[in-house]
Amino acid sequence: MYIVLYKLTDPLERCFEEVEFWINSLLSHLSNPTVILVGTHVDRVRSLKLVNQRMLDVEEVLATLAFLI
C-alpha cells in the first residue's frame, strides 16, 4: 500500500504534476499498486467547497492516467 500526498493549497497544475509523477513512478515499478491519495493542509483552504472541488479535479487526473495505462 502506498500513500501519495498533495497540498490542497498548491496551484491545481502543481497538484496534477505531483500526483501524476508519483502514480507513474509507482506504475513503472509495480503492476497493480494500492494507492491512497491524501490532500494535506486542508486547514489552510478557505472553504470546504474549494477542498471538495480540488479533490474532484485531482480524481479527474487519476481517471486520465488510468485510461492511458
N, C-alpha and C. Protein backbone atom coordinates (compact mmCIF):
# COMPACT_ATOMS: atom_id res chain seq x y z
N MET A 1 0.85 -1.17 0.00
CA MET A 1 0.00 0.00 0.00
C MET A 1 0.90 1.23 0.00
N TYR A 2 0.54 2.21 -0.81
CA TYR A 2 1.33 3.43 -0.95
C TYR A 2 0.43 4.64 -0.73
N ILE A 3 1.01 5.68 -0.17
CA ILE A 3 0.28 6.93 0.07
C ILE A 3 0.91 8.02 -0.78
N VAL A 4 0.09 8.68 -1.59
CA VAL A 4 0.54 9.82 -2.39
C VAL A 4 -0.09 11.07 -1.79
N LEU A 5 0.76 12.00 -1.38
CA LEU A 5 0.30 13.24 -0.76
C LEU A 5 0.36 14.39 -1.75
N TYR A 6 -0.57 15.32 -1.62
CA TYR A 6 -0.50 16.58 -2.36
C TYR A 6 -1.09 17.66 -1.49
N LYS A 7 -0.58 18.88 -1.66
CA LYS A 7 -1.04 20.00 -0.85
C LYS A 7 -2.25 20.66 -1.51
N LEU A 8 -3.33 20.73 -0.77
CA LEU A 8 -4.54 21.38 -1.28
C LEU A 8 -4.34 22.87 -1.52
N THR A 9 -3.31 23.44 -0.93
CA THR A 9 -3.04 24.87 -1.09
C THR A 9 -2.21 25.17 -2.33
N ASP A 10 -1.62 24.15 -2.94
CA ASP A 10 -0.82 24.38 -4.15
C ASP A 10 -1.74 24.69 -5.33
N PRO A 11 -1.20 25.39 -6.33
CA PRO A 11 -1.99 25.59 -7.56
C PRO A 11 -2.39 24.24 -8.16
N LEU A 12 -3.53 24.21 -8.81
CA LEU A 12 -4.07 22.97 -9.35
C LEU A 12 -3.08 22.26 -10.26
N GLU A 13 -2.40 22.99 -11.11
CA GLU A 13 -1.44 22.39 -12.04
C GLU A 13 -0.33 21.66 -11.29
N ARG A 14 0.13 22.25 -10.22
CA ARG A 14 1.19 21.59 -9.43
C ARG A 14 0.67 20.31 -8.78
N CYS A 15 -0.55 20.34 -8.28
CA CYS A 15 -1.15 19.12 -7.72
C CYS A 15 -1.19 18.02 -8.78
N PHE A 16 -1.63 18.40 -9.98
CA PHE A 16 -1.68 17.43 -11.08
C PHE A 16 -0.31 16.84 -11.35
N GLU A 17 0.69 17.71 -11.46
CA GLU A 17 2.05 17.25 -11.77
C GLU A 17 2.58 16.30 -10.70
N GLU A 18 2.37 16.65 -9.45
CA GLU A 18 2.90 15.82 -8.36
C GLU A 18 2.19 14.46 -8.30
N VAL A 19 0.88 14.48 -8.37
CA VAL A 19 0.14 13.22 -8.33
C VAL A 19 0.50 12.36 -9.53
N GLU A 20 0.54 12.95 -10.70
CA GLU A 20 0.88 12.21 -11.91
C GLU A 20 2.28 11.61 -11.81
N PHE A 21 3.24 12.39 -11.32
CA PHE A 21 4.61 11.90 -11.19
C PHE A 21 4.66 10.66 -10.30
N TRP A 22 4.04 10.74 -9.13
CA TRP A 22 4.13 9.63 -8.18
C TRP A 22 3.34 8.41 -8.64
N ILE A 23 2.20 8.63 -9.24
CA ILE A 23 1.43 7.49 -9.77
C ILE A 23 2.22 6.80 -10.88
N ASN A 24 2.78 7.59 -11.80
CA ASN A 24 3.58 6.99 -12.88
C ASN A 24 4.80 6.28 -12.34
N SER A 25 5.42 6.85 -11.31
CA SER A 25 6.57 6.22 -10.70
C SER A 25 6.20 4.86 -10.11
N LEU A 26 5.10 4.81 -9.39
CA LEU A 26 4.66 3.55 -8.81
C LEU A 26 4.33 2.53 -9.90
N LEU A 27 3.65 2.99 -10.94
CA LEU A 27 3.26 2.08 -12.02
C LEU A 27 4.44 1.55 -12.82
N SER A 28 5.53 2.31 -12.83
CA SER A 28 6.70 1.84 -13.56
C SER A 28 7.42 0.71 -12.81
N HIS A 29 7.14 0.57 -11.52
CA HIS A 29 7.81 -0.45 -10.72
C HIS A 29 6.86 -1.56 -10.24
N LEU A 30 5.58 -1.28 -10.27
CA LEU A 30 4.60 -2.23 -9.72
C LEU A 30 3.48 -2.44 -10.72
N SER A 31 2.93 -3.63 -10.76
CA SER A 31 1.88 -3.90 -11.75
C SER A 31 0.50 -3.40 -11.34
N ASN A 32 0.19 -3.46 -10.06
CA ASN A 32 -1.14 -3.04 -9.62
C ASN A 32 -1.06 -2.52 -8.19
N PRO A 33 -0.44 -1.34 -7.99
CA PRO A 33 -0.26 -0.86 -6.62
C PRO A 33 -1.57 -0.37 -6.01
N THR A 34 -1.69 -0.55 -4.72
CA THR A 34 -2.79 0.05 -3.97
C THR A 34 -2.30 1.42 -3.50
N VAL A 35 -3.04 2.46 -3.90
CA VAL A 35 -2.61 3.83 -3.60
C VAL A 35 -3.70 4.56 -2.86
N ILE A 36 -3.31 5.22 -1.79
CA ILE A 36 -4.21 6.11 -1.06
C ILE A 36 -3.77 7.53 -1.37
N LEU A 37 -4.67 8.33 -1.86
CA LEU A 37 -4.39 9.71 -2.21
C LEU A 37 -4.85 10.61 -1.07
N VAL A 38 -3.94 11.46 -0.56
CA VAL A 38 -4.25 12.30 0.60
C VAL A 38 -3.96 13.77 0.26
N GLY A 39 -4.98 14.59 0.40
CA GLY A 39 -4.81 16.03 0.28
C GLY A 39 -4.47 16.61 1.64
N THR A 40 -3.35 17.32 1.72
CA THR A 40 -2.90 17.87 3.01
C THR A 40 -3.17 19.37 3.08
N HIS A 41 -2.96 19.94 4.23
CA HIS A 41 -3.11 21.38 4.50
C HIS A 41 -4.56 21.85 4.33
N VAL A 42 -5.51 20.97 4.62
CA VAL A 42 -6.91 21.32 4.47
C VAL A 42 -7.29 22.48 5.39
N ASP A 43 -6.58 22.63 6.49
CA ASP A 43 -6.88 23.70 7.43
C ASP A 43 -6.53 25.09 6.87
N ARG A 44 -5.80 25.13 5.78
CA ARG A 44 -5.41 26.41 5.18
C ARG A 44 -6.25 26.80 3.96
N VAL A 45 -7.22 25.98 3.63
CA VAL A 45 -8.10 26.26 2.49
C VAL A 45 -9.29 27.04 3.00
N ARG A 46 -9.71 28.03 2.22
CA ARG A 46 -10.76 28.96 2.66
C ARG A 46 -12.12 28.32 2.92
N SER A 47 -12.48 27.30 2.13
CA SER A 47 -13.81 26.73 2.33
C SER A 47 -13.82 25.25 1.97
N LEU A 48 -14.78 24.55 2.54
CA LEU A 48 -14.94 23.13 2.26
C LEU A 48 -15.28 22.90 0.79
N LYS A 49 -15.99 23.84 0.21
CA LYS A 49 -16.35 23.72 -1.21
C LYS A 49 -15.08 23.68 -2.08
N LEU A 50 -14.10 24.52 -1.77
CA LEU A 50 -12.84 24.51 -2.51
C LEU A 50 -12.09 23.20 -2.32
N VAL A 51 -12.13 22.68 -1.11
CA VAL A 51 -11.47 21.39 -0.84
C VAL A 51 -12.10 20.30 -1.68
N ASN A 52 -13.42 20.24 -1.67
CA ASN A 52 -14.12 19.22 -2.45
C ASN A 52 -13.84 19.35 -3.94
N GLN A 53 -13.81 20.58 -4.45
CA GLN A 53 -13.54 20.78 -5.87
C GLN A 53 -12.13 20.35 -6.22
N ARG A 54 -11.17 20.67 -5.38
CA ARG A 54 -9.79 20.28 -5.65
C ARG A 54 -9.65 18.76 -5.69
N MET A 55 -10.32 18.09 -4.76
CA MET A 55 -10.27 16.62 -4.73
C MET A 55 -10.89 16.04 -5.99
N LEU A 56 -11.99 16.60 -6.46
CA LEU A 56 -12.61 16.12 -7.69
C LEU A 56 -11.70 16.36 -8.89
N ASP A 57 -11.03 17.51 -8.92
CA ASP A 57 -10.12 17.81 -10.01
C ASP A 57 -8.96 16.82 -10.07
N VAL A 58 -8.41 16.48 -8.92
CA VAL A 58 -7.31 15.52 -8.87
C VAL A 58 -7.81 14.13 -9.27
N GLU A 59 -9.01 13.77 -8.88
CA GLU A 59 -9.58 12.49 -9.28
C GLU A 59 -9.70 12.39 -10.80
N GLU A 60 -10.03 13.50 -11.46
CA GLU A 60 -10.11 13.51 -12.92
C GLU A 60 -8.77 13.18 -13.55
N VAL A 61 -7.70 13.72 -12.97
CA VAL A 61 -6.36 13.41 -13.46
C VAL A 61 -6.08 11.92 -13.32
N LEU A 62 -6.45 11.37 -12.19
CA LEU A 62 -6.24 9.94 -11.97
C LEU A 62 -7.02 9.10 -12.98
N ALA A 63 -8.22 9.52 -13.30
CA ALA A 63 -9.00 8.80 -14.29
C ALA A 63 -8.32 8.85 -15.65
N THR A 64 -7.72 9.97 -15.98
CA THR A 64 -6.98 10.11 -17.23
C THR A 64 -5.77 9.18 -17.24
N LEU A 65 -5.05 9.12 -16.12
CA LEU A 65 -3.90 8.22 -16.02
C LEU A 65 -4.33 6.77 -16.16
N ALA A 66 -5.42 6.40 -15.54
CA ALA A 66 -5.91 5.03 -15.63
C ALA A 66 -6.29 4.69 -17.07
N PHE A 67 -6.80 5.67 -17.79
CA PHE A 67 -7.17 5.46 -19.19
C PHE A 67 -5.93 5.21 -20.05
N LEU A 68 -4.83 5.87 -19.73
CA LEU A 68 -3.61 5.77 -20.51
C LEU A 68 -2.85 4.46 -20.27
N ILE A 69 -3.17 3.79 -19.18
CA ILE A 69 -2.43 2.57 -18.83
C ILE A 69 -2.94 1.40 -19.63
